[in-house]
Amino acid sequence: MHLHDLLSPKAVLPALKVSGKKQALQELAAHAAMITGLGERLIFDTLLQRERLGSTGIGNGIAIPHGKLPQIQHLTGLFARLDKAVDFEAVDGEPVDLVFVLLAPEDAGADHLKALARTARVLRDPAKASRLRATPDADALYALLTQEPASHAA
């Protein structure tokens, strides 16, 4: 599974202005609603419900809010670089500035977990995260996110 399977160029927000976690989730839900055609409130409630189980802030300034929706047809991603890092109650206590929302069909099963793992692997790469933070343009961010490693050889 590759991020280009989850993400479209219109699903990349290069400088989302928010003041906190709740506002970030609201704005991301609004953008996800435009991409998926689903209701903004439904997406927001799904993401918020998942956050109540424990923060999706995985550390190093990265969060991967996610949820399953019966109305969505396929795994869908949305990436945002926040204009200013916000407290996301991340596992390391650090503020978050890179957010990847992942929405999955109710019956996605293992595909949902594979997509989460792949997203985390890409974003946790220190060189990739650094380049994502330094890139101001949505098209360049999309290219960085969907670029496959040159080789899997060690």
C-alpha atoms as a PDB file:
ATOM      1  CA  MET A   1       0.000   0.000   0.000  1.00  0.00           C
ATOM      2  CA  HIS A   2       1.308   3.430  -0.996  1.00  0.00           C
ATOM      3  CA  LEU A   3       0.189   6.890   0.078  1.00  0.00           C
ATOM      4  CA  HIS A   4      -0.750   7.794  -3.499  1.00  0.00           C
ATOM      5  CA  ASP A   5      -3.493   5.153  -3.122  1.00  0.00           C
ATOM      6  CA  LEU A   6      -4.963   7.159  -0.216  1.00  0.00           C
ATOM      7  CA  LEU A   7      -4.171  10.755  -1.048  1.00  0.00           C
ATOM      8  CA  SER A   8      -5.133  13.061  -3.910  1.00  0.00           C
ATOM      9  CA  PRO A   9      -3.388  16.362  -4.681  1.00  0.00           C
ATOM     10  CA  LYS A  10      -6.501  18.269  -3.553  1.00  0.00           C
ATOM     11  CA  ALA A  11      -6.241  16.569  -0.142  1.00  0.00           C
ATOM     12  CA  VAL A  12      -3.033  18.380   0.835  1.00  0.00           C
ATOM     13  CA  LEU A  13      -3.230  21.542   2.944  1.00  0.00           C
ATOM     14  CA  PRO A  14       0.132  23.331   3.160  1.00  0.00           C
ATOM     15  CA  ALA A  15      -0.543  25.854   5.953  1.00  0.00           C
ATOM     16  CA  LEU A  16      -3.689  25.138   7.972  1.00  0.00           C
ATOM     17  CA  LYS A  17      -4.286  27.864  10.557  1.00  0.00           C
ATOM     18  CA  VAL A  18      -5.733  26.479  13.795  1.00  0.00           C
ATOM     19  CA  SER A  19      -5.390  27.348  17.464  1.00  0.00           C
ATOM     20  CA  GLY A  20      -5.812  23.894  18.997  1.00  0.00           C
ATOM     21  CA  LYS A  21      -6.579  20.214  18.569  1.00  0.00           C
ATOM     22  CA  LYS A  22     -10.382  20.554  18.427  1.00  0.00           C
ATOM     23  CA  GLN A  23     -10.231  23.315  15.819  1.00  0.00           C
ATOM     24  CA  ALA A  24      -7.696  21.270  13.821  1.00  0.00           C
ATOM     25  CA  LEU A  25     -10.082  18.301  13.794  1.00  0.00           C
ATOM     26  CA  GLN A  26     -12.997  20.572  12.790  1.00  0.00           C
ATOM     27  CA  GLU A  27     -11.057  22.114   9.885  1.00  0.00           C
ATOM     28  CA  LEU A  28      -9.759  18.737   8.758  1.00  0.00           C
ATOM     29  CA  ALA A  29     -13.280  17.292   8.905  1.00  0.00           C
ATOM     30  CA  ALA A  30     -14.540  20.191   6.767  1.00  0.00           C
ATOM     31  CA  HIS A  31     -11.870  19.536   4.121  1.00  0.00           C
ATOM     32  CA  ALA A  32     -12.455  15.774   4.282  1.00  0.00           C
ATOM     33  CA  ALA A  33     -16.178  16.387   3.749  1.00  0.00           C
ATOM     34  CA  MET A  34     -15.405  18.275   0.524  1.00  0.00           C
ATOM     35  CA  ILE A  35     -13.213  15.409  -0.706  1.00  0.00           C
ATOM     36  CA  THR A  36     -15.509  12.538   0.272  1.00  0.00           C
ATOM     37  CA  GLY A  37     -18.950  14.114  -0.079  1.00  0.00           C
ATOM     38  CA  LEU A  38     -19.778  12.930   3.442  1.00  0.00           C
ATOM     39  CA  GLY A  39     -21.120  15.166   6.177  1.00  0.00           C
ATOM     40  CA  GLU A  40     -18.599  17.342   7.989  1.00  0.00           C
ATOM     41  CA  ARG A  41     -20.246  16.656  11.362  1.00  0.00           C
ATOM     42  CA  LEU A  42     -20.167  12.879  10.803  1.00  0.00           C
ATOM     43  CA  ILE A  43     -16.423  12.993  10.037  1.00  0.00           C
ATOM     44  CA  PHE A  44     -15.677  15.328  12.956  1.00  0.00           C
ATOM     45  CA  ASP A  45     -17.650  13.145  15.404  1.00  0.00           C
ATOM     46  CA  THR A  46     -15.844  10.020  14.150  1.00  0.00           C
ATOM     47  CA  LEU A  47     -12.405  11.620  14.583  1.00  0.00           C
ATOM     48  CA  LEU A  48     -13.327  13.058  17.984  1.00  0.00           C
ATOM     49  CA  GLN A  49     -14.672   9.709  19.180  1.00  0.00           C
ATOM     50  CA  ARG A  50     -11.343   8.071  18.250  1.00  0.00           C
ATOM     51  CA  GLU A  51      -9.375  10.813  20.046  1.00  0.00           C
ATOM     52  CA  ARG A  52     -11.360  10.131  23.222  1.00  0.00           C
ATOM     53  CA  LEU A  53      -9.899   6.609  23.244  1.00  0.00           C
ATOM     54  CA  GLY A  54      -6.406   8.114  23.266  1.00  0.00           C
ATOM     55  CA  SER A  55      -4.531  10.735  21.317  1.00  0.00           C
ATOM     56  CA  THR A  56      -3.511   9.929  17.763  1.00  0.00           C
ATOM     57  CA  GLY A  57      -0.439  12.128  18.286  1.00  0.00           C
ATOM     58  CA  ILE A  58       2.329   9.568  17.672  1.00  0.00           C
ATOM     59  CA  GLY A  59       5.253  11.808  18.628  1.00  0.00           C
ATOM     60  CA  ASN A  60       7.808  13.984  16.849  1.00  0.00           C
ATOM     61  CA  GLY A  61       5.134  16.541  15.936  1.00  0.00           C
ATOM     62  CA  ILE A  62       3.000  14.019  14.028  1.00  0.00           C
ATOM     63  CA  ALA A  63      -0.650  12.997  14.465  1.00  0.00           C
ATOM     64  CA  ILE A  64      -2.703  10.498  12.479  1.00  0.00           C
ATOM     65  CA  PRO A  65      -6.361  11.018  13.415  1.00  0.00           C
ATOM     66  CA  HIS A  66      -8.436   8.225  11.904  1.00  0.00           C
ATOM     67  CA  GLY A  67     -11.781   6.521  11.960  1.00  0.00           C
ATOM     68  CA  LYS A  68     -14.118   4.144  10.190  1.00  0.00           C
ATOM     69  CA  LEU A  69     -17.268   5.314   8.466  1.00  0.00           C
ATOM     70  CA  PRO A  70     -19.897   2.972   6.983  1.00  0.00           C
ATOM     71  CA  GLN A  71     -20.710   5.536   4.266  1.00  0.00           C
ATOM     72  CA  ILE A  72     -17.191   5.815   2.785  1.00  0.00           C
ATOM     73  CA  GLN A  73     -16.318   3.571  -0.148  1.00  0.00           C
ATOM     74  CA  HIS A  74     -12.512   3.436   0.045  1.00  0.00           C
ATOM     75  CA  LEU A  75      -9.598   4.443   2.253  1.00  0.00           C
ATOM     76  CA  THR A  76      -9.140   8.197   1.995  1.00  0.00           C
ATOM     77  CA  GLY A  77      -6.350  10.373   3.338  1.00  0.00           C
ATOM     78  CA  LEU A  78      -5.932  14.085   3.967  1.00  0.00           C
ATOM     79  CA  PHE A  79      -2.622  15.721   4.895  1.00  0.00           C
ATOM     80  CA  ALA A  80      -2.183  19.083   6.583  1.00  0.00           C
ATOM     81  CA  ARG A  81       0.862  20.964   7.701  1.00  0.00           C
ATOM     82  CA  LEU A  82      -0.284  23.248  10.482  1.00  0.00           C
ATOM     83  CA  ASP A  83       0.743  26.886  10.275  1.00  0.00           C
ATOM     84  CA  LYS A  84       1.692  26.686  13.952  1.00  0.00           C
ATOM     85  CA  ALA A  85       2.168  23.535  16.049  1.00  0.00           C
ATOM     86  CA  VAL A  86      -0.621  22.827  18.558  1.00  0.00           C
ATOM     87  CA  ASP A  87      -0.990  20.642  21.636  1.00  0.00           C
ATOM     88  CA  PHE A  88      -2.444  17.332  20.466  1.00  0.00           C
ATOM     89  CA  GLU A  89      -1.867  15.422  23.715  1.00  0.00           C
ATOM     90  CA  ALA A  90       0.753  13.415  21.809  1.00  0.00           C
ATOM     91  CA  VAL A  91       2.518  10.473  23.448  1.00  0.00           C
ATOM     92  CA  ASP A  92       5.745  12.488  23.775  1.00  0.00           C
ATOM     93  CA  GLY A  93       4.001  15.675  24.961  1.00  0.00           C
ATOM     94  CA  GLU A  94       5.349  17.636  21.983  1.00  0.00           C
ATOM     95  CA  PRO A  95       3.059  19.886  19.897  1.00  0.00           C
ATOM     96  CA  VAL A  96       1.917  18.603  16.501  1.00  0.00           C
ATOM     97  CA  ASP A  97       2.365  20.315  13.129  1.00  0.00           C
ATOM     98  CA  LEU A  98       2.036  17.406  10.657  1.00  0.00           C
ATOM     99  CA  VAL A  99      -1.390  15.754  10.524  1.00  0.00           C
ATOM    100  CA  PHE A 100      -2.565  12.924   8.288  1.00  0.00           C
ATOM    101  CA  VAL A 101      -6.269  12.064   8.547  1.00  0.00           C
ATOM    102  CA  LEU A 102      -7.204   8.545   7.492  1.00  0.00           C
ATOM    103  CA  LEU A 103     -10.827   7.597   6.872  1.00  0.00           C
ATOM    104  CA  ALA A 104     -11.720   3.972   6.202  1.00  0.00           C
ATOM    105  CA  PRO A 105     -14.822   1.987   5.306  1.00  0.00           C
ATOM    106  CA  GLU A 106     -16.400   0.150   8.230  1.00  0.00           C
ATOM    107  CA  ASP A 107     -15.318  -3.207   6.761  1.00  0.00           C
ATOM    108  CA  ALA A 108     -11.757  -2.186   5.823  1.00  0.00           C
ATOM    109  CA  GLY A 109     -10.223  -4.562   8.383  1.00  0.00           C
ATOM    110  CA  ALA A 110      -6.532  -5.205   7.746  1.00  0.00           C
ATOM    111  CA  ASP A 111      -6.351  -2.581   4.973  1.00  0.00           C
ATOM    112  CA  HIS A 112      -7.079   0.139   7.540  1.00  0.00           C
ATOM    113  CA  LEU A 113      -4.233  -1.110   9.757  1.00  0.00           C
ATOM    114  CA  LYS A 114      -1.858  -1.395   6.784  1.00  0.00           C
ATOM    115  CA  ALA A 115      -2.690   2.167   5.742  1.00  0.00           C
ATOM    116  CA  LEU A 116      -2.090   3.433   9.295  1.00  0.00           C
ATOM    117  CA  ALA A 117       1.238   1.613   9.484  1.00  0.00           C
ATOM    118  CA  ARG A 118       2.355   2.881   6.074  1.00  0.00           C
ATOM    119  CA  THR A 119       1.383   6.461   6.925  1.00  0.00           C
ATOM    120  CA  ALA A 120       3.235   6.306  10.244  1.00  0.00           C
ATOM    121  CA  ARG A 121       6.338   4.856   8.534  1.00  0.00           C
ATOM    122  CA  VAL A 122       6.432   7.637   5.953  1.00  0.00           C
ATOM    123  CA  LEU A 123       5.840  10.469   8.413  1.00  0.00           C
ATOM    124  CA  ARG A 124       8.216   9.111  11.065  1.00  0.00           C
ATOM    125  CA  ASP A 125      11.171   9.204   8.664  1.00  0.00           C
ATOM    126  CA  PRO A 126      13.142  12.158  10.129  1.00  0.00           C
ATOM    127  CA  ALA A 127      14.431  13.319   6.733  1.00  0.00           C
ATOM    128  CA  LYS A 128      10.945  13.146   5.189  1.00  0.00           C
ATOM    129  CA  ALA A 129       9.349  14.978   8.143  1.00  0.00           C
ATOM    130  CA  SER A 130      11.993  17.689   7.940  1.00  0.00           C
ATOM    131  CA  ARG A 131      11.350  18.163   4.207  1.00  0.00           C
ATOM    132  CA  LEU A 132       7.576  18.233   4.781  1.00  0.00           C
ATOM    133  CA  ARG A 133       8.057  21.006   7.338  1.00  0.00           C
ATOM    134  CA  ALA A 134      10.244  23.001   4.947  1.00  0.00           C
ATOM    135  CA  THR A 135       8.028  22.694   1.852  1.00  0.00           C
ATOM    136  CA  PRO A 136       5.520  25.560   1.451  1.00  0.00           C
ATOM    137  CA  ASP A 137       3.695  24.342  -1.668  1.00  0.00           C
ATOM    138  CA  ALA A 138       0.803  21.830  -1.765  1.00  0.00           C
ATOM    139  CA  ASP A 139       1.956  20.172  -5.004  1.00  0.00           C
ATOM    140  CA  ALA A 140       5.478  19.710  -3.650  1.00  0.00           C
ATOM    141  CA  LEU A 141       4.077  18.309  -0.390  1.00  0.00           C
ATOM    142  CA  TYR A 142       1.957  15.835  -2.357  1.00  0.00           C
ATOM    143  CA  ALA A 143       5.013  14.771  -4.385  1.00  0.00           C
ATOM    144  CA  LEU A 144       7.043  14.278  -1.193  1.00  0.00           C
ATOM    145  CA  LEU A 145       4.308  12.258   0.503  1.00  0.00           C
ATOM    146  CA  THR A 146       3.697   9.974  -2.458  1.00  0.00           C
ATOM    147  CA  GLN A 147       7.325   9.521  -3.493  1.00  0.00           C
ATOM    148  CA  GLU A 148       8.384   5.915  -3.076  1.00  0.00           C
ATOM    149  CA  PRO A 149      11.830   5.077  -1.702  1.00  0.00           C
ATOM    150  CA  ALA A 150      14.407   4.430  -4.416  1.00  0.00           C
ATOM    151  CA  SER A 151      15.185   1.020  -2.983  1.00  0.00           C
ATOM    152  CA  HIS A 152      14.017  -1.275  -0.228  1.00  0.00           C
ATOM    153  CA  ALA A 153      17.483  -2.883  -0.077  1.00  0.00           C
ATOM    154  CA  ALA A 154      19.472  -2.367   3.082  1.00  0.00           C
END
